[in-house]
Each structure stands twice: as C-alpha cells, then as structure tokens.
C-alpha atoms as a PDB file:
ATOM      1  CA  MET A   1     -11.485   2.287  17.552  1.00  0.00           C
ATOM      2  CA  LYS A   2     -10.707  -0.462  14.208  1.00  0.00           C
ATOM      3  CA  TYR A   3      -7.497  -0.911  13.223  1.00  0.00           C
ATOM      4  CA  LEU A   4      -7.624  -1.712   9.512  1.00  0.00           C
ATOM      5  CA  ALA A   5      -4.483  -2.756   7.942  1.00  0.00           C
ATOM      6  CA  LEU A   6      -3.728  -1.457   4.171  1.00  0.00           C
ATOM      7  CA  ASP A   7      -1.773  -2.539   1.286  1.00  0.00           C
ATOM      8  CA  ILE A   8      -1.529  -1.830  -2.645  1.00  0.00           C
ATOM      9  CA  GLU A   9       0.055  -3.608  -5.597  1.00  0.00           C
ATOM     10  CA  THR A  10       0.793  -1.597  -8.369  1.00  0.00           C
ATOM     11  CA  VAL A  11       2.626  -2.257 -12.084  1.00  0.00           C
ATOM     12  CA  PRO A  12       4.092   0.537 -14.453  1.00  0.00           C
ATOM     13  CA  PHE A  13       1.532   1.246 -17.362  1.00  0.00           C
ATOM     14  CA  GLU A  14       2.796   0.485 -21.163  1.00  0.00           C
ATOM     15  CA  ILE A  15       4.040   3.511 -22.218  1.00  0.00           C
ATOM     16  CA  ASN A  16       4.376   3.610 -26.432  1.00  0.00           C
ATOM     17  CA  HIS A  17       4.607   7.591 -26.752  1.00  0.00           C
ATOM     18  CA  LYS A  18       7.727   8.633 -28.259  1.00  0.00           C
ATOM     19  CA  ASP A  19       8.014  11.957 -26.310  1.00  0.00           C
ATOM     20  CA  ILE A  20       7.074  10.403 -22.998  1.00  0.00           C
ATOM     21  CA  ILE A  21       9.536   7.335 -23.513  1.00  0.00           C
ATOM     22  CA  GLN A  22      12.233  10.058 -24.260  1.00  0.00           C
ATOM     23  CA  TYR A  23      11.483  11.433 -21.688  1.00  0.00           C
ATOM     24  CA  LEU A  24      11.698   9.020 -18.837  1.00  0.00           C
ATOM     25  CA  MET A  25      15.060   8.071 -20.381  1.00  0.00           C
ATOM     26  CA  ASP A  26      16.454  11.648 -19.936  1.00  0.00           C
ATOM     27  CA  LYS A  27      15.364  11.623 -16.522  1.00  0.00           C
ATOM     28  CA  LYS A  28      16.959   8.223 -16.055  1.00  0.00           C
ATOM     29  CA  ILE A  29      13.331   7.168 -14.811  1.00  0.00           C
ATOM     30  CA  SER A  30      13.386   3.002 -14.721  1.00  0.00           C
ATOM     31  CA  LYS A  31      10.196   0.969 -15.181  1.00  0.00           C
ATOM     32  CA  GLU A  32      11.037   0.083 -11.556  1.00  0.00           C
ATOM     33  CA  ARG A  33      10.268   3.546 -10.587  1.00  0.00           C
ATOM     34  CA  ARG A  34       7.628   3.958 -12.333  1.00  0.00           C
ATOM     35  CA  SER A  35       5.816   1.240 -10.566  1.00  0.00           C
ATOM     36  CA  PHE A  36       5.736   3.514  -7.625  1.00  0.00           C
ATOM     37  CA  ASP A  37       4.514   6.790  -9.266  1.00  0.00           C
ATOM     38  CA  PRO A  38       1.035   6.881  -9.673  1.00  0.00           C
ATOM     39  CA  ASN A  39       1.961   9.058 -13.277  1.00  0.00           C
ATOM     40  CA  TYR A  40       2.971   6.348 -14.752  1.00  0.00           C
ATOM     41  CA  SER A  41       1.367   2.891 -13.312  1.00  0.00           C
ATOM     42  CA  ARG A  42      -1.765   1.500 -11.940  1.00  0.00           C
ATOM     43  CA  ILE A  43      -2.689  -0.086  -9.037  1.00  0.00           C
ATOM     44  CA  ILE A  44      -4.257  -3.488  -9.714  1.00  0.00           C
ATOM     45  CA  VAL A  45      -4.933  -5.157  -6.071  1.00  0.00           C
ATOM     46  CA  ILE A  46      -5.962  -3.221  -2.687  1.00  0.00           C
ATOM     47  CA  ALA A  47      -5.625  -5.031   0.315  1.00  0.00           C
ATOM     48  CA  VAL A  48      -7.691  -4.597   3.896  1.00  0.00           C
ATOM     49  CA  LYS A  49      -7.605  -6.639   7.379  1.00  0.00           C
ATOM     50  CA  GLU A  50      -9.875  -5.661   9.538  1.00  0.00           C
ATOM     51  CA  ASN A  51      -9.563  -8.514  12.724  1.00  0.00           C
ATOM     52  CA  GLU A  52      -9.214 -11.888  11.453  1.00  0.00           C
ATOM     53  CA  GLU A  53     -10.990 -10.473   8.296  1.00  0.00           C
ATOM     54  CA  THR A  54      -8.579  -9.749   4.729  1.00  0.00           C
ATOM     55  CA  LYS A  55     -10.462  -7.936   2.103  1.00  0.00           C
ATOM     56  CA  VAL A  56      -9.003  -8.163  -1.101  1.00  0.00           C
ATOM     57  CA  PHE A  57     -10.150  -5.819  -4.078  1.00  0.00           C
ATOM     58  CA  ASP A  58      -9.137  -6.474  -8.373  1.00  0.00           C
ATOM     59  CA  ASN A  59     -10.516  -5.023 -10.909  1.00  0.00           C
ATOM     60  CA  GLU A  60      -8.515  -4.442 -14.503  1.00  0.00           C
ATOM     61  CA  ASN A  61     -10.885  -1.032 -14.453  1.00  0.00           C
ATOM     62  CA  GLU A  62      -8.890   1.127 -12.337  1.00  0.00           C
ATOM     63  CA  LYS A  63     -11.602   3.556 -11.420  1.00  0.00           C
ATOM     64  CA  LEU A  64     -13.907   0.422 -10.246  1.00  0.00           C
ATOM     65  CA  LEU A  65     -11.241  -0.378  -8.580  1.00  0.00           C
ATOM     66  CA  LEU A  66     -11.344   2.334  -6.260  1.00  0.00           C
ATOM     67  CA  GLU A  67     -14.726   2.589  -6.111  1.00  0.00           C
ATOM     68  CA  GLU A  68     -15.446  -0.467  -4.813  1.00  0.00           C
ATOM     69  CA  PHE A  69     -12.303   0.167  -2.303  1.00  0.00           C
ATOM     70  CA  TRP A  70     -13.778   3.273  -0.905  1.00  0.00           C
ATOM     71  CA  SER A  71     -17.194   2.193  -0.817  1.00  0.00           C
ATOM     72  CA  TYR A  72     -16.119  -0.044   1.535  1.00  0.00           C
ATOM     73  CA  LEU A  73     -14.134   1.837   3.704  1.00  0.00           C
ATOM     74  CA  LYS A  74     -17.450   4.144   3.888  1.00  0.00           C
ATOM     75  CA  THR A  75     -18.995   1.726   5.877  1.00  0.00           C
ATOM     76  CA  LYS A  76     -16.591   1.127   8.511  1.00  0.00           C
ATOM     77  CA  LYS A  77     -16.348   4.016  11.771  1.00  0.00           C
ATOM     78  CA  ASP A  78     -13.948   4.979  14.042  1.00  0.00           C
ATOM     79  CA  PHE A  79     -10.819   3.520  12.129  1.00  0.00           C
ATOM     80  CA  ILE A  80      -7.187   3.881  11.940  1.00  0.00           C
ATOM     81  CA  LEU A  81      -5.475   2.787   8.651  1.00  0.00           C
ATOM     82  CA  ILE A  82      -2.253   0.909   9.382  1.00  0.00           C
ATOM     83  CA  THR A  83       0.737   1.105   6.557  1.00  0.00           C
ATOM     84  CA  HIS A  84       4.142   0.252   5.816  1.00  0.00           C
ATOM     85  CA  ASN A  85       5.638   2.998   3.945  1.00  0.00           C
ATOM     86  CA  GLY A  86       1.712   4.511   3.829  1.00  0.00           C
ATOM     87  CA  TYR A  87       2.616   8.144   4.436  1.00  0.00           C
ATOM     88  CA  LYS A  88       4.975   8.270   1.416  1.00  0.00           C
ATOM     89  CA  PHE A  89       3.284   5.885  -1.039  1.00  0.00           C
ATOM     90  CA  ASP A  90       0.265   3.932  -0.498  1.00  0.00           C
ATOM     91  CA  ILE A  91      -2.241   6.882   0.711  1.00  0.00           C
ATOM     92  CA  PRO A  92      -1.074   9.529  -1.842  1.00  0.00           C
ATOM     93  CA  PHE A  93      -0.913   6.822  -4.342  1.00  0.00           C
ATOM     94  CA  LEU A  94      -4.857   5.974  -4.062  1.00  0.00           C
ATOM     95  CA  ILE A  95      -5.812   9.901  -3.787  1.00  0.00           C
ATOM     96  CA  LEU A  96      -3.960  10.867  -6.501  1.00  0.00           C
ATOM     97  CA  LYS A  97      -5.000   7.835  -8.724  1.00  0.00           C
ATOM     98  CA  SER A  98      -8.434   8.650  -7.244  1.00  0.00           C
ATOM     99  CA  CYS A  99      -8.582  12.304  -8.365  1.00  0.00           C
ATOM    100  CA  ILE A 100      -7.155  10.799 -11.897  1.00  0.00           C
ATOM    101  CA  ASN A 101     -10.061   8.518 -12.145  1.00  0.00           C
ATOM    102  CA  GLU A 102     -12.719  11.337 -10.751  1.00  0.00           C
ATOM    103  CA  VAL A 103     -13.575   9.253  -7.648  1.00  0.00           C
ATOM    104  CA  LYS A 104     -14.845  11.097  -4.767  1.00  0.00           C
ATOM    105  CA  VAL A 105     -12.192  10.219  -1.747  1.00  0.00           C
ATOM    106  CA  PRO A 106     -15.386  10.172   1.138  1.00  0.00           C
ATOM    107  CA  PHE A 107     -13.123  11.021   3.805  1.00  0.00           C
ATOM    108  CA  SER A 108      -9.378  12.802   4.583  1.00  0.00           C
ATOM    109  CA  ILE A 109      -6.822  10.546   5.843  1.00  0.00           C
ATOM    110  CA  ASN A 110      -4.178  12.573   7.547  1.00  0.00           C
ATOM    111  CA  LEU A 111      -0.452  12.408   6.328  1.00  0.00           C
ATOM    112  CA  ASN A 112       1.132  14.912   9.261  1.00  0.00           C
ATOM    113  CA  LYS A 113       3.922  12.226   9.750  1.00  0.00           C
ATOM    114  CA  TRP A 114       5.081  14.418  12.276  1.00  0.00           C
ATOM    115  CA  GLN A 115       1.925  13.826  14.818  1.00  0.00           C
ATOM    116  CA  MET A 116       1.048   9.914  13.639  1.00  0.00           C
ATOM    117  CA  GLU A 117       0.051   9.419  17.255  1.00  0.00           C
ATOM    118  CA  ASN A 118      -3.295  11.561  16.189  1.00  0.00           C
ATOM    119  CA  SER A 119      -3.851  10.631  13.100  1.00  0.00           C
ATOM    120  CA  ASN A 120      -6.259   8.069  11.528  1.00  0.00           C
ATOM    121  CA  HIS A 121      -3.595   6.855   9.555  1.00  0.00           C
ATOM    122  CA  PHE A 122      -0.630   5.132  11.337  1.00  0.00           C
ATOM    123  CA  ASP A 123       3.059   4.383   9.124  1.00  0.00           C
ATOM    124  CA  ILE A 124       4.536   1.051  11.001  1.00  0.00           C
ATOM    125  CA  MET A 125       8.114   2.364   9.000  1.00  0.00           C
ATOM    126  CA  GLN A 126       7.517   5.837   9.904  1.00  0.00           C
ATOM    127  CA  PHE A 127       7.287   4.291  13.654  1.00  0.00           C
ATOM    128  CA  PHE A 128      10.237   1.994  13.347  1.00  0.00           C
ATOM    129  CA  SER A 129      12.589   4.844  11.241  1.00  0.00           C
ATOM    130  CA  GLN A 130      11.367   7.449  14.080  1.00  0.00           C
ATOM    131  CA  TYR A 131      10.318   9.612  11.460  1.00  0.00           C
ATOM    132  CA  GLU A 132      13.238   8.884   9.070  1.00  0.00           C
ATOM    133  CA  THR A 133      16.310   9.317  12.239  1.00  0.00           C
ATOM    134  CA  PHE A 134      17.128   5.705  11.703  1.00  0.00           C
ATOM    135  CA  THR A 135      16.908   3.171   8.959  1.00  0.00           C
ATOM    136  CA  ASN A 136      13.260   2.735   6.552  1.00  0.00           C
ATOM    137  CA  LEU A 137      13.602  -1.247   6.827  1.00  0.00           C
ATOM    138  CA  ASN A 138      11.535  -3.956   4.680  1.00  0.00           C
ATOM    139  CA  LEU A 139       8.357  -4.711   5.787  1.00  0.00           C
ATOM    140  CA  GLU A 140       9.209  -8.701   5.314  1.00  0.00           C
ATOM    141  CA  ILE A 141      12.874  -7.974   7.595  1.00  0.00           C
ATOM    142  CA  LEU A 142      11.129  -5.991   9.843  1.00  0.00           C
ATOM    143  CA  GLY A 143       8.937  -8.327  10.477  1.00  0.00           C
ATOM    144  CA  LYS A 144      11.447 -11.363  10.735  1.00  0.00           C
ATOM    145  CA  MET A 145      13.720  -9.465  13.234  1.00  0.00           C
ATOM    146  CA  HIS A 146      11.151  -9.084  15.587  1.00  0.00           C
ATOM    147  CA  SER A 147       9.671 -13.150  14.679  1.00  0.00           C
ATOM    148  CA  ILE A 148       7.132 -12.046  13.047  1.00  0.00           C
ATOM    149  CA  GLU A 149       6.244 -14.331   9.838  1.00  0.00           C
ATOM    150  CA  VAL A 150       3.754 -15.378   7.637  1.00  0.00           C
ATOM    151  CA  SER A 151       3.556 -18.434   6.189  1.00  0.00           C
ATOM    152  CA  GLY A 152       3.474 -19.564   2.440  1.00  0.00           C
ATOM    153  CA  ASN A 153       5.138 -18.714  -0.570  1.00  0.00           C
ATOM    154  CA  ARG A 154       6.624 -15.008  -0.443  1.00  0.00           C
ATOM    155  CA  ILE A 155       7.208 -13.173  -3.850  1.00  0.00           C
ATOM    156  CA  SER A 156       8.881  -9.992  -4.205  1.00  0.00           C
ATOM    157  CA  SER A 157       7.846  -6.871  -5.185  1.00  0.00           C
ATOM    158  CA  SER A 158      10.245  -6.845  -8.373  1.00  0.00           C
ATOM    159  CA  ASP A 159       8.168  -9.842  -9.346  1.00  0.00           C
ATOM    160  CA  ILE A 160       4.840  -7.886  -9.357  1.00  0.00           C
ATOM    161  CA  GLU A 161       4.925  -6.568 -13.056  1.00  0.00           C
ATOM    162  CA  GLU A 162       5.811 -10.305 -14.853  1.00  0.00           C
ATOM    163  CA  LEU A 163       3.393 -11.818 -13.130  1.00  0.00           C
ATOM    164  CA  TYR A 164       0.745  -9.630 -13.820  1.00  0.00           C
ATOM    165  CA  LYS A 165       2.221 -10.002 -17.825  1.00  0.00           C
ATOM    166  CA  ASN A 166       1.403 -13.625 -17.340  1.00  0.00           C
ATOM    167  CA  ASN A 167      -1.933 -13.773 -15.764  1.00  0.00           C
ATOM    168  CA  GLU A 168      -1.228 -15.164 -12.522  1.00  0.00           C
ATOM    169  CA  LEU A 169      -2.946 -12.318 -10.479  1.00  0.00           C
ATOM    170  CA  ASP A 170      -3.656 -15.201  -7.582  1.00  0.00           C
ATOM    171  CA  LYS A 171      -0.298 -14.893  -6.546  1.00  0.00           C
ATOM    172  CA  ILE A 172      -0.298 -10.874  -6.591  1.00  0.00           C
ATOM    173  CA  LYS A 173      -3.188 -11.200  -4.732  1.00  0.00           C
ATOM    174  CA  GLU A 174      -1.719 -13.278  -2.514  1.00  0.00           C
ATOM    175  CA  LYS A 175       1.218 -11.375  -1.786  1.00  0.00           C
ATOM    176  CA  CYS A 176      -0.671  -8.471  -0.800  1.00  0.00           C
ATOM    177  CA  LYS A 177      -3.031 -10.629   1.380  1.00  0.00           C
ATOM    178  CA  GLN A 178       0.188 -11.534   3.280  1.00  0.00           C
ATOM    179  CA  ASP A 179       1.897  -8.338   3.255  1.00  0.00           C
ATOM    180  CA  VAL A 180      -1.552  -6.639   5.296  1.00  0.00           C
ATOM    181  CA  GLU A 181      -1.021  -9.985   7.555  1.00  0.00           C
ATOM    182  CA  LEU A 182       2.573  -9.201   7.990  1.00  0.00           C
ATOM    183  CA  ILE A 183       1.309  -5.213   8.888  1.00  0.00           C
ATOM    184  CA  ASP A 184      -1.114  -5.853  10.981  1.00  0.00           C
ATOM    185  CA  ARG A 185       0.647  -8.708  13.108  1.00  0.00           C
ATOM    186  CA  ILE A 186       3.758  -6.019  13.338  1.00  0.00           C
ATOM    187  CA  PHE A 187       1.441  -3.254  14.715  1.00  0.00           C
ATOM    188  CA  LYS A 188      -0.608  -5.865  17.322  1.00  0.00           C
ATOM    189  CA  LYS A 189       2.432  -7.304  18.389  1.00  0.00           C
ATOM    190  CA  LEU A 190       4.803  -3.957  18.551  1.00  0.00           C
ATOM    191  CA  CYS A 191       3.013  -0.129  18.467  1.00  0.00           C
ATOM    192  CA  LEU A 192      -0.395  -0.977  19.167  1.00  0.00           C
ATOM    193  CA  LYS A 193       0.466  -0.090  23.416  1.00  0.00           C
ATOM    194  CA  HIS A 194       2.065   3.134  21.882  1.00  0.00           C
ATOM    195  CA  LEU A 195      -1.144   4.096  20.184  1.00  0.00           C
ATOM    196  CA  GLU A 196      -3.120   3.649  23.205  1.00  0.00           C
ATOM    197  CA  LYS A 197      -0.909   4.362  26.152  1.00  0.00           C
END
C-alpha cells in the first residue's frame, strides 16, 4: 500500500461585481474565509509526497492544473491519501473545483470520516481530534507537539495571497512542499501503526 501526503494552496478571486461584493459584505464573508471556499477562490499549488519524492504542481490555468494532478494520481495504484483537514478542505475543494472546471475525477475518494480506517483517505486532523472530540490542531503545532519540525523558513497561510500578488510563487510552492513533508512525517511516526494494526 502506498501513502501519498497531499496539500493544496488557494487564493481568493478578485471580485468586482457590485452585487457579489454587497452579498459578501451582508453575509460578513471575509477575504480570508473566501480563500477556503472553492466558490470564491482557486487552487494555485498542489503538492503530493510519496516516499522520498515530492511532486509540486502549479499552473495559472486551474483546469490544466487539476488535469495534471488527477492524471498523475491515475498512474498510482493502491494508495491512501494522507491529509491534514482534508475531509473538510483539501478533498472537497479539489472535487468541487474539478466539477466547476469540467475535469473528471478518475476515482472516488471516501469522505466517511466515521470509518476512516476503511477509507482511501486518512486525515491526521480527524485522527488527532478523534473526529472532533478534541481540539483541531494547526499542522505546525501538531508537529512541534511531537518533536516533528520541517527545516527552512516557514510562511503563514495568511501570507499566501500577498505572496501570490507579488509573483512569489516559489515561496508558496515551498510552503506547500514543507506542509506535505510535515504531514508525511507525522503520519509515519504517529498514525501508520494505527492503520496497519
């Protein structure tokens, strides 16, 4: 069985339509919240880590980015996706953006969080919160709590939009790469034995 750590980075759309702006203001939907909603934002980077290899996808054209990502995953056999908050963010975001972009998702990803052990998707946030019984830990804090850290300068998720506007995509790609490496290390150190028991 292969274990593929997965992470995505997103940025909100620039919205100029006055009705949409008014709606967002009325509903108090902040720009930060829009970054995490596929209806108001887009994927700019996807990273996947398998064993020692980390593959980072980026493309200004979201449709092409998604096609490349799903084509890559199609080449893999018998794998489980490993995410941090993938049940509530990464996977639904990827699925909905694929639908919006008319990109076929080549296989189903099980999002039944109550039977994660029998799924092709393992979410370490769900595992460590025990299905939201306890606090959902930030990925970096979760790593530090268990003496697992990623070397190099770390940027915050809140910096992604500004970096993107400044054409600093390399920094965003590096953050996404660091995140999948951290997910991979946490999973292998603390969760893998739970799956393989």
